[in-house]
Amino acid sequence: MTASPRCIALCSALLFAMPVFAHAAEQVRVPLGFKVGDVASYDTESVVRDAAKGATSVRRITDRTRIRTDAGDDHGYALTWTTQDSRIEAVEGDRSMVDTIAPMLDELDGMEVVIELDRSGQYRRVRNLDAVLAKMRAAMLPIFSANLPNLFNDGDSKVAKYDRDAALAIARENLEASIDSIITPQGVETMSSAQAKAMTAFAGKTLVVGKRYRDDEPMASPTEGRPLPASREYALSLVDGDPDLARIRWTHTLDPRANAKVLWTLVDELVGSAESDAQHDGRPNDLVLREEGMLLFRRDTGAVDMLQTTEISRYGTAHDENDRYRMRRSGIARTWAQEDAAKP
């Protein structure tokens, strides 16, 4: 039986009227959010919770970060980061660390850090690292010097005062060398570039909405910035009620199967004191290093509206730290309460 022209026309009309259930998932390309001449201001907050050895302390640092794009061409980009109006407070527990850090923050207020990106928008280096190092060392020198006597006040009462004074004199002579061992180029570069790396980590990628991705992107150790074997999982989603916004959430996790020597070196870095090789038996199975992050950006320009990273580092009871860092572009309507409520 041959269908009549009228039947064919009716069937065609019905097919076009039906909703389309099978379609390709939406794709979003992540643009690089920096253009020459642009200046972006962010309200920033860092909350560090230290719960090592049963004593919990929480400190909070707030400031205003300004990012100026000074250059952008086929050779790459130059971003000048300036932090101002830094404030630190003790939220819980001992405030001695806050009292130590506060004058250093005052000295570093307004310091410029120039971040270089390559032509694809990926991190290249801190261009003025030597100047940043010199500024940080100069800020720390008087603070360390003032606190040196405290290191010898709780010694054995049987030790002669002369011996303590002699030890203090030696410590003062070696003070600059001690600071150099703490304020290392690699460590300062890691600290200075962490947020820039997070803001540009996915630039240039085209991601399918709702699809989960996984790669073996290395992660940096917290203070020394050494590359560590790790895996990263991430997914892109759209923001309800605002078609101009998209977000990427990720989790970056240390590979527990990494070389045992690499893991023990990380333990020494976290605990703050190197242990002998004899104590490095087997593998540190109670070692945790993980970063959870969220990037909220404009789909048309790539401009970052909000960034949050939370680093969790733990080794038994000797080290237990949670460091949450937030950047929120000044003047935007979206709040952290809205973003927290949108968590899957």
Protein backbone atom coordinates (compact mmCIF):
# COMPACT_ATOMS: atom_id res chain seq x y z
CA MET A 1 0.00 0.00 0.00
CA THR A 2 1.38 3.38 -0.99
CA ALA A 3 0.94 6.26 1.46
CA SER A 4 -0.97 9.22 0.15
CA PRO A 5 0.71 12.63 -0.15
CA ARG A 6 -1.60 13.93 2.59
CA CYS A 7 -0.50 11.14 4.98
CA ILE A 8 3.15 11.81 4.28
CA ALA A 9 2.68 15.53 4.92
CA LEU A 10 0.86 14.82 8.21
CA CYS A 11 3.55 12.44 9.44
CA SER A 12 6.28 14.96 8.57
CA ALA A 13 4.49 17.70 10.47
CA LEU A 14 4.17 15.45 13.54
CA LEU A 15 7.88 14.52 13.44
CA PHE A 16 8.97 18.15 13.30
CA ALA A 17 6.61 19.02 16.15
CA MET A 18 7.99 16.33 18.48
CA PRO A 19 10.65 17.37 21.03
CA VAL A 20 14.16 16.21 20.17
CA PHE A 21 15.44 13.86 22.84
CA ALA A 22 18.57 12.61 21.10
CA HIS A 23 21.05 15.43 20.54
CA ALA A 24 24.71 16.11 21.06
CA ALA A 25 25.62 17.28 24.55
CA GLU A 26 26.50 20.98 24.74
CA GLN A 27 30.17 21.85 24.48
CA VAL A 28 31.89 24.84 26.07
CA ARG A 29 35.29 26.17 25.13
CA VAL A 30 37.20 27.74 28.04
CA PRO A 31 38.67 31.07 26.82
CA LEU A 32 41.71 32.68 28.40
CA GLY A 33 40.29 35.51 30.50
CA PHE A 34 43.05 38.11 30.11
CA LYS A 35 43.34 40.95 27.57
CA VAL A 36 45.94 43.69 27.35
CA GLY A 37 44.91 46.75 29.33
CA ASP A 38 42.37 44.93 31.49
CA VAL A 39 42.50 45.36 35.26
CA ALA A 40 40.54 42.98 37.47
CA SER A 41 40.07 43.38 41.23
CA TYR A 42 39.21 40.53 43.59
CA ASP A 43 38.28 40.25 47.25
CA THR A 44 40.35 37.36 48.56
CA GLU A 45 40.30 35.23 51.69
CA SER A 46 42.53 32.45 53.00
CA VAL A 47 41.43 30.35 55.97
CA VAL A 48 44.01 27.93 57.36
CA ARG A 49 42.98 25.27 59.86
CA ASP A 50 45.81 23.44 61.60
CA ALA A 51 44.80 20.49 63.78
CA ALA A 52 48.15 18.76 64.26
CA LYS A 53 48.88 16.92 67.52
CA GLY A 54 45.42 17.56 68.91
CA ALA A 55 45.74 21.37 69.08
CA THR A 56 43.49 23.22 66.65
CA SER A 57 44.24 26.71 65.42
CA VAL A 58 42.47 28.68 62.69
CA ARG A 59 43.75 31.88 61.10
CA ARG A 60 42.15 34.04 58.43
CA ILE A 61 43.81 36.42 55.96
CA THR A 62 41.85 38.86 53.79
CA ASP A 63 43.08 41.27 51.17
CA ARG A 64 42.32 42.83 47.81
CA THR A 65 44.12 41.44 44.77
CA ARG A 66 44.56 43.43 41.56
CA ILE A 67 45.52 41.74 38.28
CA ARG A 68 46.69 43.95 35.42
CA THR A 69 47.34 42.47 31.97
CA ASP A 70 50.39 44.32 30.66
CA ALA A 71 51.21 42.29 27.55
CA GLY A 72 49.56 39.75 25.33
CA ASP A 73 50.78 38.60 21.91
CA ASP A 74 52.00 35.54 20.04
CA HIS A 75 54.85 35.21 22.54
CA GLY A 76 52.61 35.08 25.60
CA TYR A 77 51.13 37.22 28.37
CA ALA A 78 52.39 39.22 31.36
CA LEU A 79 50.10 39.63 34.36
CA THR A 80 51.04 41.96 37.21
CA TRP A 81 49.50 40.82 40.52
CA THR A 82 49.35 43.25 43.45
CA THR A 83 47.96 42.46 46.88
CA GLN A 84 46.87 45.28 49.19
CA ASP A 85 45.06 45.86 52.50
CA SER A 86 46.17 42.51 53.94
CA ARG A 87 44.69 41.63 57.32
CA ILE A 88 45.22 38.54 59.47
CA GLU A 89 43.22 37.40 62.48
CA ALA A 90 43.20 34.46 64.85
CA VAL A 91 39.81 32.75 64.56
CA GLU A 92 40.56 29.94 66.98
CA GLY A 93 43.45 28.78 69.15
CA ASP A 94 46.95 30.15 69.63
CA ARG A 95 47.53 33.59 68.10
CA SER A 96 51.35 33.53 68.22
CA MET A 97 51.55 32.65 64.52
CA VAL A 98 49.23 35.57 63.70
CA ASP A 99 51.41 37.97 65.67
CA THR A 100 54.46 36.71 63.78
CA ILE A 101 52.91 36.91 60.30
CA ALA A 102 51.13 40.30 60.66
CA PRO A 103 54.21 42.56 60.36
CA MET A 104 55.47 40.54 57.39
CA LEU A 105 52.15 41.06 55.58
CA ASP A 106 52.45 44.79 56.22
CA GLU A 107 55.91 44.82 54.63
CA LEU A 108 54.74 42.86 51.58
CA ASP A 109 51.59 44.92 51.00
CA GLY A 110 51.70 46.39 47.50
CA MET A 111 54.46 44.11 46.20
CA GLU A 112 54.13 43.33 42.49
CA VAL A 113 54.44 39.77 41.18
CA VAL A 114 54.71 39.46 37.39
CA ILE A 115 53.33 36.17 36.07
CA GLU A 116 54.26 35.07 32.56
CA LEU A 117 51.96 32.81 30.53
CA ASP A 118 52.78 31.21 27.21
CA ARG A 119 50.80 31.97 24.03
CA SER A 120 48.23 29.29 24.92
CA GLY A 121 47.69 30.82 28.35
CA GLN A 122 49.55 28.23 30.41
CA TYR A 123 51.88 29.23 33.24
CA ARG A 124 55.51 29.84 32.27
CA ARG A 125 57.31 31.55 35.18
CA VAL A 126 57.41 34.40 37.71
CA ARG A 127 59.31 37.03 35.71
CA ASN A 128 60.53 39.09 38.68
CA LEU A 129 61.23 36.16 41.02
CA ASP A 130 64.57 37.57 42.21
CA ALA A 131 62.91 40.82 43.30
CA VAL A 132 60.11 38.93 45.07
CA LEU A 133 62.66 36.74 46.87
CA ALA A 134 64.65 39.76 48.03
CA LYS A 135 61.51 41.49 49.29
CA MET A 136 60.34 38.42 51.21
CA ARG A 137 63.74 37.81 52.79
CA ALA A 138 63.98 41.46 53.85
CA ALA A 139 60.50 41.27 55.39
CA MET A 140 61.30 38.08 57.31
CA LEU A 141 64.77 38.97 58.61
CA PRO A 142 63.72 41.31 61.47
CA ILE A 143 60.84 39.00 62.42
CA PHE A 144 63.08 35.95 62.69
CA SER A 145 65.72 37.99 64.54
CA ALA A 146 63.19 39.22 67.12
CA ASN A 147 61.89 35.70 67.71
CA LEU A 148 65.26 33.94 68.03
CA PRO A 149 65.51 34.35 71.84
CA ASN A 150 62.21 32.51 72.23
CA LEU A 151 63.83 29.40 70.79
CA PHE A 152 66.22 29.25 73.75
CA ASN A 153 63.91 30.27 76.60
CA ASP A 154 62.45 26.82 77.23
CA GLY A 155 65.71 24.93 77.44
CA ASP A 156 66.95 22.72 80.27
CA SER A 157 67.40 24.84 83.40
CA LYS A 158 70.62 22.91 84.13
CA VAL A 159 72.21 24.34 80.99
CA ALA A 160 74.35 27.34 81.84
CA LYS A 161 73.11 30.76 80.73
CA TYR A 162 76.47 31.17 78.97
CA ASP A 163 75.75 28.13 76.80
CA ARG A 164 72.34 29.48 75.84
CA ASP A 165 73.82 32.89 75.02
CA ALA A 166 76.51 31.25 72.93
CA ALA A 167 73.93 29.20 71.04
CA LEU A 168 71.85 32.34 70.47
CA ALA A 169 74.89 34.19 69.12
CA ILE A 170 75.62 31.37 66.69
CA ALA A 171 71.98 31.33 65.59
CA ARG A 172 72.13 35.07 64.90
CA GLU A 173 75.29 34.63 62.85
CA ASN A 174 73.59 31.97 60.77
CA LEU A 175 70.25 33.76 60.55
CA GLU A 176 70.48 34.82 56.91
CA ALA A 177 71.58 31.35 55.84
CA SER A 178 68.65 29.87 57.79
CA ILE A 179 66.21 32.22 56.06
CA ASP A 180 67.69 31.30 52.68
CA SER A 181 67.00 27.64 53.45
CA ILE A 182 63.34 28.47 54.17
CA ILE A 183 62.66 31.15 51.55
CA THR A 184 63.81 29.19 48.50
CA PRO A 185 63.28 30.25 44.87
CA GLN A 186 61.16 27.18 44.14
CA GLY A 187 59.04 27.62 47.25
CA VAL A 188 58.41 31.33 46.63
CA GLU A 189 57.55 30.70 42.99
CA THR A 190 55.05 28.02 44.05
CA MET A 191 53.39 30.33 46.55
CA SER A 192 53.36 33.32 44.19
CA SER A 193 51.88 31.50 41.20
CA ALA A 194 49.36 29.08 42.74
CA GLN A 195 46.25 31.15 41.98
CA ALA A 196 47.39 32.10 38.46
CA LYS A 197 47.93 28.42 37.68
CA ALA A 198 44.45 27.56 38.96
CA MET A 199 42.82 30.36 36.94
CA THR A 200 44.45 29.22 33.69
CA ALA A 201 44.59 25.43 34.18
CA PHE A 202 41.76 24.70 31.74
CA ALA A 203 42.22 27.58 29.26
CA GLY A 204 41.80 26.44 25.67
CA LYS A 205 40.02 23.20 26.53
CA THR A 206 36.65 22.34 24.98
CA LEU A 207 34.58 20.43 27.53
CA VAL A 208 31.25 18.63 27.25
CA VAL A 209 28.74 19.74 29.86
CA GLY A 210 28.31 17.07 32.54
CA LYS A 211 31.07 14.79 31.28
CA ARG A 212 33.71 13.71 33.80
CA TYR A 213 37.34 13.93 32.73
CA ARG A 214 40.46 12.41 34.25
CA ASP A 215 44.16 13.00 33.58
CA ASP A 216 47.52 12.41 35.28
CA GLU A 217 48.42 16.07 35.78
CA PRO A 218 51.25 16.36 38.38
CA MET A 219 50.62 18.45 41.50
CA ALA A 220 53.06 20.67 43.37
CA SER A 221 54.20 19.92 46.90
CA PRO A 222 52.82 22.56 49.33
CA THR A 223 55.96 24.51 50.27
CA GLU A 224 58.76 23.45 47.92
CA GLY A 225 56.70 23.13 44.74
CA ARG A 226 58.26 19.82 43.70
CA PRO A 227 56.16 18.03 41.05
CA LEU A 228 54.40 15.00 42.50
CA PRO A 229 52.62 12.19 40.63
CA ALA A 230 48.88 12.74 40.90
CA SER A 231 45.54 12.31 39.17
CA ARG A 232 43.00 15.01 38.43
CA GLU A 233 39.27 14.62 37.86
CA TYR A 234 37.13 17.50 36.64
CA ALA A 235 33.76 18.34 35.11
CA LEU A 236 32.08 21.40 33.61
CA SER A 237 28.55 22.52 34.40
CA LEU A 238 26.35 25.50 33.57
CA VAL A 239 24.97 27.96 36.09
CA ASP A 240 21.21 27.86 36.56
CA GLY A 241 19.61 31.18 35.74
CA ASP A 242 22.67 32.68 34.05
CA PRO A 243 23.52 31.31 30.59
CA ASP A 244 26.64 33.49 30.46
CA LEU A 245 28.35 31.58 33.28
CA ALA A 246 29.98 28.15 33.48
CA ARG A 247 31.91 26.42 36.24
CA ILE A 248 34.56 23.75 36.47
CA ARG A 249 34.98 21.66 39.60
CA TRP A 250 38.02 19.48 40.10
CA THR A 251 39.77 17.19 42.56
CA HIS A 252 43.54 16.74 42.38
CA THR A 253 44.91 13.82 44.40
CA LEU A 254 48.40 12.57 45.19
CA ASP A 255 49.07 9.11 43.77
CA PRO A 256 49.58 6.83 46.81
CA ARG A 257 51.45 4.37 44.57
CA ALA A 258 54.23 6.89 43.93
CA ASN A 259 57.85 6.05 44.66
CA ALA A 260 58.33 5.58 48.42
CA LYS A 261 61.28 8.00 48.54
CA VAL A 262 59.15 10.71 46.89
CA LEU A 263 56.40 10.18 49.46
CA TRP A 264 58.79 10.24 52.44
CA THR A 265 60.35 13.47 51.14
CA LEU A 266 56.86 14.96 51.14
CA VAL A 267 56.33 13.76 54.72
CA ASP A 268 59.52 15.55 55.77
CA GLU A 269 58.33 18.70 54.02
CA LEU A 270 54.94 18.63 55.75
CA VAL A 271 56.18 17.76 59.23
CA GLY A 272 58.98 20.29 59.04
CA SER A 273 61.86 18.11 60.16
CA ALA A 274 63.75 15.51 58.13
CA GLU A 275 63.75 12.01 59.59
CA SER A 276 66.56 9.52 59.24
CA ASP A 277 66.47 6.93 56.47
CA ALA A 278 66.15 4.24 59.14
CA GLN A 279 62.73 5.59 60.05
CA HIS A 280 61.58 5.60 56.43
CA ASP A 281 60.57 1.96 56.38
CA GLY A 282 57.92 0.78 53.95
CA ARG A 283 55.49 3.42 52.70
CA PRO A 284 53.74 6.30 54.52
CA ASN A 285 50.25 4.88 54.13
CA ASP A 286 48.61 7.58 56.29
CA LEU A 287 49.75 10.39 53.99
CA VAL A 288 47.10 12.56 52.28
CA LEU A 289 47.51 15.42 49.83
CA ARG A 290 44.46 16.61 47.90
CA GLU A 291 43.18 19.80 46.29
CA GLU A 292 39.51 20.52 45.61
CA GLY A 293 38.76 23.46 43.36
CA MET A 294 36.04 25.48 41.63
CA LEU A 295 36.39 28.01 38.80
CA LEU A 296 33.44 30.18 37.75
CA PHE A 297 34.00 32.03 34.47
CA ARG A 298 32.30 34.02 31.70
CA ARG A 299 31.66 31.87 28.65
CA ASP A 300 32.24 34.68 26.17
CA THR A 301 35.44 36.22 27.58
CA GLY A 302 36.83 33.61 29.99
CA ALA A 303 36.99 36.25 32.74
CA VAL A 304 37.05 34.53 36.13
CA ASP A 305 34.30 35.65 38.50
CA MET A 306 35.11 33.27 41.37
CA LEU A 307 37.89 30.87 42.29
CA GLN A 308 38.12 28.53 45.25
CA THR A 309 40.81 26.02 46.11
CA THR A 310 40.98 23.87 49.23
CA GLU A 311 44.20 22.00 49.95
CA ILE A 312 44.07 19.14 52.45
CA SER A 313 47.42 17.80 53.67
CA ARG A 314 47.75 15.23 56.42
CA TYR A 315 50.27 12.81 57.89
CA GLY A 316 48.99 10.90 60.90
CA THR A 317 48.71 13.23 63.89
CA ALA A 318 51.98 15.06 63.15
CA HIS A 319 50.47 17.19 60.38
CA ASP A 320 46.82 18.00 59.66
CA GLU A 321 46.12 21.17 57.69
CA ASN A 322 43.23 22.49 55.63
CA ASP A 323 43.84 25.66 53.59
CA ARG A 324 40.88 27.21 51.76
CA TYR A 325 41.57 30.10 49.38
CA ARG A 326 38.82 32.19 47.77
CA MET A 327 38.84 34.95 45.12
CA ARG A 328 35.64 36.79 44.20
CA ARG A 329 35.67 39.46 41.51
CA SER A 330 34.72 42.84 42.96
CA GLY A 331 31.27 44.05 42.00
CA ILE A 332 29.76 40.79 40.73
CA ALA A 333 26.27 39.82 41.85
CA ARG A 334 26.91 36.17 42.67
CA THR A 335 27.75 35.40 46.31
CA TRP A 336 29.64 32.57 47.98
CA ALA A 337 26.41 31.48 49.67
CA GLN A 338 24.85 30.94 46.23
CA GLU A 339 27.86 29.01 45.02
CA ASP A 340 27.99 26.86 48.15
CA ALA A 341 24.31 26.01 47.69
CA ALA A 342 25.01 24.95 44.08
CA LYS A 343 27.47 22.22 45.09
CA PRO A 344 26.48 18.81 43.65
